[in-house]
Amino acid sequence: MSGAKKCESCGMPIEAGVYCQYCTDDAGKLQEFDERLKRMTQWTLRQGQAKTPAEAEERALAYMATTPAWKDHPKLAARMKRKA
């Protein structure tokens, strides 16, 4: 799938738009930060990429910090600053 677009929230390949169907609400708007973090944390656990919910959340936050949709989000920036 060379040259395919990626969801700016989760990185999933998409054909059109900015965000995938999993990152948007029923109106097609990007989900709120807390909802997206919760869902990305759950996905991380289901995929076996973390052993605990806390570890999964940290992995989700670290990934979100690399995405165009979330990298400058105030909640993420404040949380990452506290960890530094």
N, C-alpha and C. Protein backbone atom coordinates (compact mmCIF):
# COMPACT_ATOMS: atom_id res chain seq x y z
N MET A 1 0.83 -1.17 0.00
CA MET A 1 0.00 0.00 0.00
C MET A 1 0.89 1.25 0.00
N SER A 2 1.72 1.35 -0.92
CA SER A 2 2.66 2.45 -1.06
C SER A 2 1.94 3.77 -1.24
N GLY A 3 2.37 4.78 -0.49
CA GLY A 3 1.80 6.10 -0.62
C GLY A 3 0.44 6.25 0.05
N ALA A 4 0.00 5.23 0.80
CA ALA A 4 -1.29 5.30 1.48
C ALA A 4 -1.22 6.34 2.59
N LYS A 5 -2.34 7.00 2.80
CA LYS A 5 -2.44 7.96 3.90
C LYS A 5 -2.57 7.20 5.21
N LYS A 6 -2.21 7.87 6.29
CA LYS A 6 -2.37 7.28 7.61
C LYS A 6 -3.22 8.20 8.47
N CYS A 7 -4.00 7.59 9.34
CA CYS A 7 -4.79 8.34 10.30
C CYS A 7 -3.84 9.17 11.15
N GLU A 8 -4.13 10.45 11.28
CA GLU A 8 -3.25 11.33 12.05
C GLU A 8 -3.39 11.13 13.55
N SER A 9 -4.33 10.29 13.97
CA SER A 9 -4.51 10.01 15.39
C SER A 9 -3.85 8.70 15.81
N CYS A 10 -4.02 7.64 14.99
CA CYS A 10 -3.51 6.32 15.40
C CYS A 10 -2.51 5.71 14.42
N GLY A 11 -2.42 6.25 13.22
CA GLY A 11 -1.47 5.73 12.24
C GLY A 11 -2.01 4.62 11.36
N MET A 12 -3.27 4.27 11.53
CA MET A 12 -3.87 3.22 10.70
C MET A 12 -3.96 3.69 9.25
N PRO A 13 -3.68 2.82 8.29
CA PRO A 13 -3.83 3.21 6.88
C PRO A 13 -5.28 3.58 6.56
N ILE A 14 -5.46 4.67 5.84
CA ILE A 14 -6.79 5.11 5.43
C ILE A 14 -6.73 5.52 3.97
N GLU A 15 -7.86 5.51 3.32
CA GLU A 15 -7.92 5.89 1.91
C GLU A 15 -8.20 7.36 1.72
N ALA A 16 -8.97 7.94 2.64
CA ALA A 16 -9.35 9.35 2.49
C ALA A 16 -9.55 9.96 3.87
N GLY A 17 -9.52 11.26 3.90
CA GLY A 17 -9.75 11.97 5.16
C GLY A 17 -8.49 12.11 5.98
N VAL A 18 -8.70 12.51 7.22
CA VAL A 18 -7.58 12.75 8.13
C VAL A 18 -7.51 11.68 9.21
N TYR A 19 -8.70 11.21 9.64
CA TYR A 19 -8.76 10.25 10.74
C TYR A 19 -9.52 8.99 10.31
N CYS A 20 -9.20 7.86 10.90
CA CYS A 20 -9.88 6.61 10.60
C CYS A 20 -11.22 6.53 11.33
N GLN A 21 -11.97 5.51 10.98
CA GLN A 21 -13.29 5.31 11.58
C GLN A 21 -13.22 5.03 13.08
N TYR A 22 -12.10 4.52 13.57
CA TYR A 22 -11.98 4.19 14.98
C TYR A 22 -11.64 5.40 15.85
N CYS A 23 -11.14 6.45 15.23
CA CYS A 23 -10.72 7.63 15.98
C CYS A 23 -11.74 8.76 15.93
N THR A 24 -12.84 8.54 15.23
CA THR A 24 -13.85 9.58 15.09
C THR A 24 -15.16 9.18 15.77
N ASP A 25 -15.95 10.20 16.08
CA ASP A 25 -17.26 9.95 16.67
C ASP A 25 -18.29 9.77 15.55
N ASP A 26 -19.55 9.66 15.91
CA ASP A 26 -20.60 9.44 14.92
C ASP A 26 -20.73 10.58 13.92
N ALA A 27 -20.30 11.77 14.31
CA ALA A 27 -20.38 12.94 13.42
C ALA A 27 -19.13 13.09 12.56
N GLY A 28 -18.15 12.18 12.73
CA GLY A 28 -16.93 12.24 11.94
C GLY A 28 -15.85 13.13 12.52
N LYS A 29 -16.06 13.61 13.74
CA LYS A 29 -15.08 14.47 14.41
C LYS A 29 -14.14 13.60 15.24
N LEU A 30 -12.92 14.08 15.40
CA LEU A 30 -11.93 13.36 16.22
C LEU A 30 -12.47 13.21 17.64
N GLN A 31 -12.36 12.01 18.18
CA GLN A 31 -12.79 11.78 19.55
C GLN A 31 -11.98 12.64 20.51
N GLU A 32 -12.54 12.85 21.69
CA GLU A 32 -11.84 13.60 22.74
C GLU A 32 -10.58 12.84 23.16
N PHE A 33 -9.61 13.56 23.66
CA PHE A 33 -8.33 13.00 24.07
C PHE A 33 -8.52 11.83 25.04
N ASP A 34 -9.32 12.02 26.09
CA ASP A 34 -9.47 10.98 27.11
C ASP A 34 -10.08 9.70 26.54
N GLU A 35 -11.03 9.84 25.65
CA GLU A 35 -11.64 8.68 25.00
C GLU A 35 -10.62 7.96 24.12
N ARG A 36 -9.85 8.71 23.36
CA ARG A 36 -8.85 8.11 22.47
C ARG A 36 -7.78 7.42 23.29
N LEU A 37 -7.34 8.03 24.39
CA LEU A 37 -6.33 7.41 25.26
C LEU A 37 -6.87 6.11 25.83
N LYS A 38 -8.11 6.13 26.30
CA LYS A 38 -8.72 4.92 26.86
C LYS A 38 -8.76 3.80 25.82
N ARG A 39 -9.19 4.12 24.62
CA ARG A 39 -9.29 3.10 23.58
C ARG A 39 -7.92 2.61 23.12
N MET A 40 -6.96 3.50 23.03
CA MET A 40 -5.61 3.07 22.62
C MET A 40 -4.96 2.22 23.71
N THR A 41 -5.25 2.54 24.97
CA THR A 41 -4.74 1.74 26.08
C THR A 41 -5.35 0.34 26.03
N GLN A 42 -6.66 0.25 25.80
CA GLN A 42 -7.32 -1.05 25.70
C GLN A 42 -6.76 -1.87 24.53
N TRP A 43 -6.53 -1.21 23.40
CA TRP A 43 -5.99 -1.90 22.23
C TRP A 43 -4.59 -2.45 22.54
N THR A 44 -3.78 -1.65 23.22
CA THR A 44 -2.43 -2.07 23.58
C THR A 44 -2.47 -3.32 24.46
N LEU A 45 -3.39 -3.35 25.40
CA LEU A 45 -3.55 -4.54 26.25
C LEU A 45 -4.00 -5.75 25.44
N ARG A 46 -5.00 -5.55 24.58
CA ARG A 46 -5.51 -6.68 23.77
C ARG A 46 -4.44 -7.26 22.86
N GLN A 47 -3.54 -6.41 22.39
CA GLN A 47 -2.49 -6.86 21.48
C GLN A 47 -1.34 -7.52 22.23
N GLY A 48 -1.39 -7.51 23.56
CA GLY A 48 -0.33 -8.11 24.36
C GLY A 48 0.95 -7.29 24.38
N GLN A 49 0.82 -6.01 24.11
CA GLN A 49 1.98 -5.12 24.07
C GLN A 49 2.34 -4.56 25.45
N ALA A 50 1.53 -4.90 26.46
CA ALA A 50 1.78 -4.46 27.83
C ALA A 50 1.20 -5.51 28.77
N LYS A 51 1.76 -5.58 29.98
CA LYS A 51 1.29 -6.57 30.95
C LYS A 51 0.28 -6.00 31.92
N THR A 52 0.30 -4.70 32.12
CA THR A 52 -0.62 -4.07 33.07
C THR A 52 -1.31 -2.89 32.40
N PRO A 53 -2.46 -2.49 32.93
CA PRO A 53 -3.11 -1.30 32.38
C PRO A 53 -2.24 -0.04 32.47
N ALA A 54 -1.49 0.09 33.54
CA ALA A 54 -0.62 1.27 33.68
C ALA A 54 0.46 1.27 32.60
N GLU A 55 1.05 0.12 32.34
CA GLU A 55 2.07 0.02 31.29
C GLU A 55 1.45 0.30 29.92
N ALA A 56 0.25 -0.21 29.71
CA ALA A 56 -0.43 0.02 28.44
C ALA A 56 -0.73 1.50 28.24
N GLU A 57 -1.14 2.17 29.29
CA GLU A 57 -1.42 3.60 29.19
C GLU A 57 -0.15 4.39 28.88
N GLU A 58 0.94 4.04 29.51
CA GLU A 58 2.21 4.73 29.24
C GLU A 58 2.64 4.52 27.79
N ARG A 59 2.46 3.32 27.28
CA ARG A 59 2.80 3.03 25.88
C ARG A 59 1.89 3.82 24.94
N ALA A 60 0.61 3.88 25.28
CA ALA A 60 -0.34 4.64 24.45
C ALA A 60 0.03 6.12 24.45
N LEU A 61 0.35 6.66 25.60
CA LEU A 61 0.75 8.07 25.69
C LEU A 61 2.01 8.35 24.88
N ALA A 62 2.97 7.46 25.00
CA ALA A 62 4.22 7.64 24.26
C ALA A 62 3.95 7.62 22.76
N TYR A 63 3.07 6.74 22.32
CA TYR A 63 2.75 6.69 20.89
C TYR A 63 1.98 7.93 20.47
N MET A 64 1.00 8.32 21.26
CA MET A 64 0.20 9.50 20.93
C MET A 64 1.09 10.74 20.78
N ALA A 65 2.15 10.80 21.54
CA ALA A 65 3.06 11.95 21.47
C ALA A 65 3.76 12.04 20.11
N THR A 66 3.72 10.98 19.33
CA THR A 66 4.38 10.97 18.02
C THR A 66 3.41 11.26 16.87
N THR A 67 2.12 11.36 17.16
CA THR A 67 1.12 11.51 16.10
C THR A 67 0.75 12.98 15.89
N PRO A 68 0.46 13.36 14.66
CA PRO A 68 0.10 14.76 14.38
C PRO A 68 -1.12 15.24 15.16
N ALA A 69 -2.09 14.38 15.40
CA ALA A 69 -3.31 14.78 16.09
C ALA A 69 -3.09 15.11 17.56
N TRP A 70 -2.13 14.46 18.18
CA TRP A 70 -1.99 14.57 19.64
C TRP A 70 -0.68 15.16 20.12
N LYS A 71 0.32 15.26 19.30
CA LYS A 71 1.66 15.63 19.79
C LYS A 71 1.69 16.96 20.54
N ASP A 72 0.80 17.88 20.21
CA ASP A 72 0.79 19.18 20.89
C ASP A 72 -0.40 19.35 21.83
N HIS A 73 -1.09 18.27 22.13
CA HIS A 73 -2.26 18.36 23.01
C HIS A 73 -1.82 18.75 24.42
N PRO A 74 -2.49 19.72 25.04
CA PRO A 74 -2.08 20.19 26.38
C PRO A 74 -2.03 19.10 27.44
N LYS A 75 -2.98 18.18 27.45
CA LYS A 75 -2.95 17.11 28.47
C LYS A 75 -1.74 16.21 28.28
N LEU A 76 -1.38 15.93 27.06
CA LEU A 76 -0.23 15.07 26.78
C LEU A 76 1.06 15.80 27.14
N ALA A 77 1.15 17.06 26.74
CA ALA A 77 2.36 17.84 27.03
C ALA A 77 2.58 17.97 28.53
N ALA A 78 1.51 18.26 29.28
CA ALA A 78 1.63 18.41 30.74
C ALA A 78 2.04 17.09 31.40
N ARG A 79 1.46 16.02 30.94
CA ARG A 79 1.76 14.71 31.51
C ARG A 79 3.20 14.31 31.23
N MET A 80 3.64 14.54 30.00
CA MET A 80 5.01 14.17 29.65
C MET A 80 6.02 15.05 30.38
N LYS A 81 5.67 16.30 30.59
CA LYS A 81 6.56 17.21 31.33
C LYS A 81 6.75 16.74 32.77
N ARG A 82 5.66 16.26 33.40
CA ARG A 82 5.75 15.77 34.78
C ARG A 82 6.68 14.57 34.87
N LYS A 83 6.72 13.76 33.83
CA LYS A 83 7.57 12.57 33.85
C LYS A 83 9.05 12.89 33.67
N ALA A 84 9.34 14.06 33.10
CA ALA A 84 10.72 14.44 32.81
C ALA A 84 11.48 14.82 34.05
